[in-house]
Amino acid sequence: MTTMLEVAKRAGVSKATVSRVLSGNGYVSQETKDRVFQAIDESGYRPNLLARNLATKRTQTLGLVVTNTLYHGVYFSELLFHAARMTEERGRQLILADGKHSAEEEREAIQYLLDMRCDAIIIYPRFLSVDEMDAIIQDHSQPVMVLNRRLRKNSSHCVWSDHIASSEAAVTQLIKLGHRDIAFITGSLDSPTGIERLSGYKAALAQHQIPLRESLIVEGKWNPASGAAGVSTLLARGETFSALVASNDDMAIGAIKQLHESGIATPAAVSVIGFDDVAIAPYIVPSLSSVRVPVTEMIKETISRLIFMLDGGDFTSQQNFAGELILRDSVVAGPHR
């Protein structure tokens, strides 16, 4: 195995100079750096990662905590893809830790990343409360950013989307198009996002003095099968509705399939809206109307803030990303237009 001393001899410099080049500490001329890196390439030398990390007090890693219930589906794939790509662009490695099924396990995942000496951590929480996350941020020196939740005490450490406002806007658009009987398939109701999207639905009905019919609400589980099951439940109840909002696109696609199999045309009989605007949404038949949540922009802002904090910067502002309703063929005017 090639040693640092052998690299130094090949480059015609001291071992201390090679160490300075690798750590980035202290001045070394560009000509000398080039000779050292050439010697490293020619010799196949691999620096001791642990020793380098101890010297620089940095591991060049960012940690990401996500509960495994979010791993399936297009939304998480997009989130992880952009997180990995943007981390790579900044010369760092992304380490994923599983938050599993409880707040305690999310805390354990965070502690695991801290023990791994990650330079900074992103939390995409499902179970931890806002107060618990505020406490985690205040108790640790490593920068921590929270994705998709709004914090009270550390607002500059979160990047979030207002799911209540986005849901309310989507339902309001249906009401403006003449729909009054609007069904709603929730996400899992132990999910903050699921609860907020349901709240937006209820708020839109209240704003337009449309009585809430609890029988038009069914709980889903974020997957296409639960969207299909939600439609079956509504029909079994004998409910009539001219529009349906599902809390994500997977459930909306399942709902459209079940409507079709039940002899109910979309959008002629029932208009359908989903959330997340997944890549396949424009290509199903009919093309799916959806609320676009700017995942790419949210991840970019989150990582940019962490890098800025690692470089000694500080934030005082919070960042909210608005959802955008993309209307496609799955929505038409309702019977009261």
Protein backbone atom coordinates (compact mmCIF):
# COMPACT_ATOMS: atom_id res chain seq x y z
CA MET A 1 0.00 0.00 0.00
CA THR A 2 1.36 3.38 -0.99
CA THR A 3 2.13 5.75 1.90
CA MET A 4 2.05 9.53 2.16
CA LEU A 5 5.86 9.52 2.45
CA GLU A 6 6.14 7.72 -0.90
CA VAL A 7 3.82 10.30 -2.48
CA ALA A 8 5.99 13.07 -1.04
CA LYS A 9 9.17 11.53 -2.50
CA ARG A 10 7.54 11.07 -5.91
CA ALA A 11 6.36 14.72 -5.92
CA GLY A 12 9.67 16.03 -4.58
CA VAL A 13 8.08 17.67 -1.54
CA SER A 14 7.88 17.04 2.18
CA LYS A 15 5.33 14.80 3.86
CA ALA A 16 3.99 17.90 5.63
CA THR A 17 3.34 19.55 2.24
CA VAL A 18 1.33 16.54 1.06
CA SER A 19 -0.68 16.73 4.28
CA ARG A 20 -1.39 20.43 3.71
CA VAL A 21 -2.55 19.76 0.15
CA LEU A 22 -4.93 17.00 1.27
CA SER A 23 -6.33 18.93 4.24
CA GLY A 24 -6.62 22.25 2.44
CA ASN A 25 -4.97 24.00 5.38
CA GLY A 26 -2.10 26.38 4.83
CA TYR A 27 -0.77 27.90 1.63
CA VAL A 28 0.61 25.66 -1.10
CA SER A 29 1.38 26.95 -4.59
CA GLN A 30 -0.73 25.67 -7.46
CA GLU A 31 2.38 24.19 -9.12
CA THR A 32 3.14 22.16 -5.98
CA LYS A 33 -0.50 21.06 -5.65
CA ASP A 34 -0.43 19.83 -9.24
CA ARG A 35 2.74 17.78 -8.57
CA VAL A 36 1.23 16.25 -5.44
CA PHE A 37 -2.03 15.31 -7.15
CA GLN A 38 -0.12 13.85 -10.09
CA ALA A 39 1.95 11.76 -7.66
CA ILE A 40 -1.24 10.58 -5.96
CA ASP A 41 -2.75 9.55 -9.30
CA GLU A 42 0.41 7.74 -10.42
CA SER A 43 0.92 5.89 -7.14
CA GLY A 44 -2.73 5.04 -6.43
CA TYR A 45 -2.44 6.52 -2.92
CA ARG A 46 -5.66 6.71 -0.92
CA PRO A 47 -5.53 9.02 2.11
CA ASN A 48 -6.69 7.65 5.45
CA LEU A 49 -10.23 8.96 5.66
CA LEU A 50 -10.46 8.87 9.45
CA ALA A 51 -7.15 10.67 9.86
CA ARG A 52 -8.16 13.32 7.34
CA ASN A 53 -11.50 13.85 9.05
CA LEU A 54 -9.84 14.26 12.44
CA ALA A 55 -7.41 16.78 10.98
CA THR A 56 -10.01 18.88 9.17
CA LYS A 57 -12.91 18.32 11.63
CA ARG A 58 -15.06 17.69 8.54
CA THR A 59 -16.27 14.45 6.97
CA GLN A 60 -17.70 16.08 3.82
CA THR A 61 -20.97 14.24 4.46
CA LEU A 62 -24.57 15.36 4.82
CA GLY A 63 -27.05 13.14 6.65
CA LEU A 64 -30.69 12.66 5.67
CA VAL A 65 -33.31 11.13 7.99
CA VAL A 66 -36.47 9.79 6.32
CA THR A 67 -38.96 7.29 7.74
CA ASN A 68 -39.12 4.13 5.63
CA THR A 69 -42.87 4.47 5.04
CA LEU A 70 -41.97 7.17 2.51
CA TYR A 71 -39.47 5.06 0.56
CA HIS A 72 -41.95 3.65 -1.94
CA GLY A 73 -43.49 5.78 -4.66
CA VAL A 74 -42.40 8.44 -7.08
CA TYR A 75 -42.32 11.35 -4.60
CA PHE A 76 -39.54 9.91 -2.46
CA SER A 77 -37.57 8.84 -5.53
CA GLU A 78 -37.60 12.43 -6.77
CA LEU A 79 -36.66 13.79 -3.36
CA LEU A 80 -33.74 11.38 -2.93
CA PHE A 81 -32.52 11.84 -6.50
CA HIS A 82 -32.27 15.61 -6.15
CA ALA A 83 -30.76 15.40 -2.66
CA ALA A 84 -28.05 13.02 -3.89
CA ARG A 85 -27.35 15.01 -7.06
CA MET A 86 -27.08 18.35 -5.28
CA THR A 87 -24.92 16.88 -2.53
CA GLU A 88 -22.58 15.44 -5.17
CA GLU A 89 -22.40 18.79 -6.96
CA ARG A 90 -21.09 20.30 -3.74
CA GLY A 91 -18.42 17.67 -3.37
CA ARG A 92 -20.06 15.82 -0.50
CA GLN A 93 -21.49 12.39 0.23
CA LEU A 94 -25.11 11.79 1.28
CA ILE A 95 -25.79 9.32 4.11
CA LEU A 96 -29.38 8.08 4.51
CA ALA A 97 -30.68 6.99 7.92
CA ASP A 98 -34.03 5.27 8.44
CA GLY A 99 -36.44 6.99 10.83
CA LYS A 100 -38.56 3.81 10.91
CA HIS A 101 -41.90 3.96 12.75
CA SER A 102 -41.79 6.35 15.72
CA ALA A 103 -40.46 9.62 17.08
CA GLU A 104 -37.98 7.68 19.23
CA GLU A 105 -36.62 5.88 16.15
CA GLU A 106 -36.36 9.18 14.28
CA ARG A 107 -34.30 10.53 17.20
CA GLU A 108 -32.11 7.42 17.07
CA ALA A 109 -31.53 7.93 13.34
CA ILE A 110 -30.51 11.54 13.97
CA GLN A 111 -28.14 10.45 16.73
CA TYR A 112 -26.66 7.82 14.41
CA LEU A 113 -25.79 10.52 11.87
CA LEU A 114 -24.35 12.71 14.60
CA ASP A 115 -22.22 9.77 15.80
CA MET A 116 -21.10 9.29 12.20
CA ARG A 117 -19.82 12.88 12.42
CA CYS A 118 -21.95 14.14 9.53
CA ASP A 119 -21.17 17.79 8.96
CA ALA A 120 -24.87 18.66 8.79
CA ILE A 121 -28.23 16.88 8.86
CA ILE A 122 -31.53 17.12 6.98
CA ILE A 123 -34.63 15.79 8.74
CA TYR A 124 -37.73 14.85 6.75
CA PRO A 125 -39.89 14.08 9.80
CA ARG A 126 -43.08 12.13 10.16
CA PHE A 127 -43.34 11.52 13.90
CA LEU A 128 -41.21 14.14 15.68
CA SER A 129 -43.15 17.16 16.90
CA VAL A 130 -42.21 20.74 16.06
CA ASP A 131 -41.10 21.33 19.66
CA GLU A 132 -38.88 18.23 19.57
CA MET A 133 -37.20 19.34 16.36
CA ASP A 134 -36.66 22.86 17.71
CA ALA A 135 -34.94 21.29 20.73
CA ILE A 136 -32.72 19.09 18.51
CA ILE A 137 -31.57 22.14 16.55
CA GLN A 138 -30.75 24.07 19.71
CA ASP A 139 -28.95 21.15 21.41
CA HIS A 140 -26.43 20.38 18.66
CA SER A 141 -23.62 22.34 17.08
CA GLN A 142 -23.97 20.69 13.66
CA PRO A 143 -26.35 22.58 11.36
CA VAL A 144 -29.75 20.89 11.10
CA MET A 145 -32.42 21.66 8.51
CA VAL A 146 -36.00 20.39 8.64
CA LEU A 147 -37.71 19.67 5.33
CA ASN A 148 -41.48 19.94 4.81
CA ARG A 149 -42.36 21.14 8.32
CA ARG A 150 -42.73 24.64 9.71
CA LEU A 151 -40.83 25.33 12.94
CA ARG A 152 -41.75 27.87 15.57
CA LYS A 153 -38.46 28.75 17.30
CA ASN A 154 -35.97 28.06 14.49
CA SER A 155 -37.84 29.23 11.41
CA SER A 156 -34.64 29.76 9.42
CA HIS A 157 -33.83 26.06 9.86
CA CYS A 158 -36.84 24.81 7.92
CA VAL A 159 -37.95 24.73 4.31
CA TRP A 160 -41.61 23.95 3.89
CA SER A 161 -44.62 24.05 1.62
CA ASP A 162 -48.02 25.28 2.82
CA HIS A 163 -50.11 22.18 2.18
CA ILE A 164 -53.20 23.72 3.76
CA ALA A 165 -53.14 26.67 1.36
CA SER A 166 -52.38 24.44 -1.65
CA SER A 167 -55.24 22.08 -0.85
CA GLU A 168 -57.62 24.94 -0.20
CA ALA A 169 -56.68 26.50 -3.55
CA ALA A 170 -57.26 23.23 -5.43
CA VAL A 171 -60.71 22.68 -3.89
CA THR A 172 -61.60 26.34 -4.43
CA GLN A 173 -60.81 25.94 -8.13
CA LEU A 174 -63.23 23.02 -8.33
CA ILE A 175 -65.89 25.10 -6.59
CA LYS A 176 -65.35 27.95 -9.05
CA LEU A 177 -65.83 25.45 -11.87
CA GLY A 178 -69.26 24.57 -10.48
CA HIS A 179 -68.54 21.54 -8.30
CA ARG A 180 -70.31 21.33 -4.93
CA ASP A 181 -70.20 17.61 -4.09
CA ILE A 182 -66.46 17.06 -3.76
CA ALA A 183 -65.06 13.82 -2.32
CA PHE A 184 -61.68 13.68 -0.61
CA ILE A 185 -59.25 10.80 -0.13
CA THR A 186 -56.84 11.65 2.66
CA GLY A 187 -53.27 10.53 3.11
CA SER A 188 -52.34 8.60 6.22
CA LEU A 189 -53.68 10.63 9.11
CA ASP A 190 -50.57 10.08 11.23
CA SER A 191 -48.80 12.17 8.59
CA PRO A 192 -48.62 15.97 9.08
CA THR A 193 -48.89 16.45 5.31
CA GLY A 194 -52.01 14.27 5.19
CA ILE A 195 -53.63 16.22 8.02
CA GLU A 196 -52.80 19.59 6.45
CA ARG A 197 -54.22 18.66 3.03
CA LEU A 198 -57.45 17.51 4.68
CA SER A 199 -57.59 20.79 6.61
CA GLY A 200 -57.28 22.74 3.36
CA TYR A 201 -60.20 20.79 1.86
CA LYS A 202 -62.39 21.60 4.85
CA ALA A 203 -61.32 25.25 4.84
CA ALA A 204 -62.30 25.69 1.17
CA LEU A 205 -65.77 24.26 1.77
CA ALA A 206 -66.27 26.50 4.81
CA GLN A 207 -65.05 29.56 2.89
CA HIS A 208 -67.74 28.98 0.26
CA GLN A 209 -70.51 28.01 2.70
CA ILE A 210 -70.69 24.44 1.42
CA PRO A 211 -71.74 22.04 4.19
CA LEU A 212 -69.11 19.46 5.12
CA ARG A 213 -70.23 15.88 4.46
CA GLU A 214 -68.00 13.58 6.46
CA SER A 215 -69.27 10.65 4.37
CA LEU A 216 -67.43 12.12 1.35
CA ILE A 217 -64.08 11.73 3.17
CA VAL A 218 -62.21 8.43 3.15
CA GLU A 219 -58.74 7.66 4.49
CA GLY A 220 -56.03 6.52 2.10
CA LYS A 221 -52.48 5.23 2.55
CA TRP A 222 -50.64 7.16 -0.17
CA ASN A 223 -50.64 4.23 -2.65
CA PRO A 224 -52.78 3.55 -5.78
CA ALA A 225 -54.58 0.61 -4.16
CA SER A 226 -55.89 2.83 -1.36
CA GLY A 227 -57.10 5.37 -3.94
CA ALA A 228 -59.06 2.64 -5.69
CA ALA A 229 -60.36 1.37 -2.35
CA GLY A 230 -61.44 4.90 -1.43
CA VAL A 231 -63.63 5.13 -4.53
CA SER A 232 -65.12 1.71 -3.77
CA THR A 233 -65.94 2.87 -0.24
CA LEU A 234 -67.62 6.04 -1.49
CA LEU A 235 -69.72 4.12 -4.01
CA ALA A 236 -70.64 1.48 -1.43
CA ARG A 237 -71.93 4.30 0.79
CA GLY A 238 -74.15 5.43 -2.07
CA GLU A 239 -72.43 8.80 -2.26
CA THR A 240 -72.76 11.03 -5.31
CA PHE A 241 -69.99 13.45 -6.19
CA SER A 242 -68.91 15.35 -9.28
CA ALA A 243 -65.28 15.85 -8.22
CA LEU A 244 -62.68 14.03 -6.16
CA VAL A 245 -59.43 15.25 -4.63
CA ALA A 246 -56.81 12.68 -3.61
CA SER A 247 -53.96 13.66 -1.30
CA ASN A 248 -51.32 12.43 -3.73
CA ASP A 249 -51.09 11.42 -7.38
CA ASP A 250 -50.66 7.71 -6.67
CA MET A 251 -54.07 7.62 -4.98
CA ALA A 252 -55.59 9.82 -7.70
CA ILE A 253 -54.42 7.35 -10.37
CA GLY A 254 -55.89 4.45 -8.40
CA ALA A 255 -59.14 6.39 -8.01
CA ILE A 256 -59.43 7.05 -11.77
CA LYS A 257 -58.87 3.35 -12.46
CA GLN A 258 -61.62 2.34 -10.03
CA LEU A 259 -64.02 4.96 -11.38
CA HIS A 260 -63.45 3.58 -14.88
CA GLU A 261 -64.04 0.01 -13.74
CA SER A 262 -67.26 1.16 -12.04
CA GLY A 263 -68.52 2.69 -15.29
CA ILE A 264 -67.93 6.28 -14.16
CA ALA A 265 -66.05 8.43 -16.67
CA THR A 266 -63.31 10.87 -15.72
CA PRO A 267 -63.77 13.79 -16.18
CA ALA A 268 -67.25 13.66 -17.74
CA ALA A 269 -68.86 12.35 -14.55
CA VAL A 270 -66.16 12.96 -11.93
CA SER A 271 -63.27 15.41 -12.13
CA VAL A 272 -60.09 14.34 -10.30
CA ILE A 273 -57.16 16.26 -8.79
CA GLY A 274 -54.05 14.80 -7.12
CA PHE A 275 -50.97 16.22 -5.40
CA ASP A 276 -47.21 16.19 -6.19
CA ASP A 277 -47.43 16.39 -10.02
CA VAL A 278 -45.40 13.23 -10.58
CA ALA A 279 -43.67 12.76 -13.93
CA ILE A 280 -46.32 10.34 -15.22
CA ALA A 281 -49.25 12.72 -14.47
CA PRO A 282 -49.39 14.28 -17.97
CA TYR A 283 -49.23 10.87 -19.66
CA ILE A 284 -52.08 8.90 -18.12
CA VAL A 285 -55.53 9.03 -19.72
CA PRO A 286 -57.01 11.44 -18.97
CA SER A 287 -53.93 13.49 -18.08
CA LEU A 288 -54.03 14.15 -14.34
CA SER A 289 -54.55 17.58 -12.83
CA SER A 290 -52.27 17.94 -9.84
CA VAL A 291 -50.85 20.34 -7.27
CA ARG A 292 -47.14 20.65 -7.98
CA VAL A 293 -45.04 20.72 -4.82
CA PRO A 294 -41.61 22.18 -5.75
CA VAL A 295 -39.50 19.34 -4.32
CA THR A 296 -36.43 20.22 -6.40
CA GLU A 297 -36.44 23.83 -5.26
CA MET A 298 -37.02 22.83 -1.64
CA ILE A 299 -34.10 20.39 -1.61
CA LYS A 300 -31.83 22.92 -3.34
CA GLU A 301 -32.68 25.59 -0.77
CA THR A 302 -32.20 23.15 2.11
CA ILE A 303 -28.73 22.04 1.00
CA SER A 304 -27.68 25.59 0.10
CA ARG A 305 -28.60 26.73 3.59
CA LEU A 306 -26.65 23.90 5.20
CA ILE A 307 -23.53 24.66 3.14
CA PHE A 308 -23.87 28.35 3.97
CA MET A 309 -24.12 27.52 7.68
CA LEU A 310 -21.08 25.23 7.47
CA ASP A 311 -19.14 28.13 5.96
CA GLY A 312 -20.03 30.30 8.95
CA GLY A 313 -23.12 32.02 7.60
CA ASP A 314 -26.37 32.58 9.44
CA PHE A 315 -30.01 32.96 8.41
CA THR A 316 -32.81 34.97 9.95
CA SER A 317 -35.45 34.37 7.28
CA GLN A 318 -37.74 31.40 6.72
CA GLN A 319 -38.52 29.89 3.33
CA ASN A 320 -41.96 28.77 2.23
CA PHE A 321 -42.56 27.26 -1.21
CA ALA A 322 -46.06 27.58 -2.61
CA GLY A 323 -47.79 24.72 -4.39
CA GLU A 324 -49.11 25.28 -7.91
CA LEU A 325 -52.26 23.69 -9.35
CA ILE A 326 -51.63 22.29 -12.84
CA LEU A 327 -54.97 21.79 -14.59
CA ARG A 328 -55.10 19.02 -17.19
CA ASP A 329 -57.76 16.85 -18.84
CA SER A 330 -58.99 15.20 -15.62
CA VAL A 331 -60.93 18.35 -14.62
CA VAL A 332 -63.91 19.95 -16.37
CA ALA A 333 -66.71 22.30 -15.33
CA GLY A 334 -69.19 20.93 -12.80
CA PRO A 335 -73.00 20.72 -12.83
CA HIS A 336 -73.43 24.10 -11.12
CA ARG A 337 -71.30 26.11 -13.55
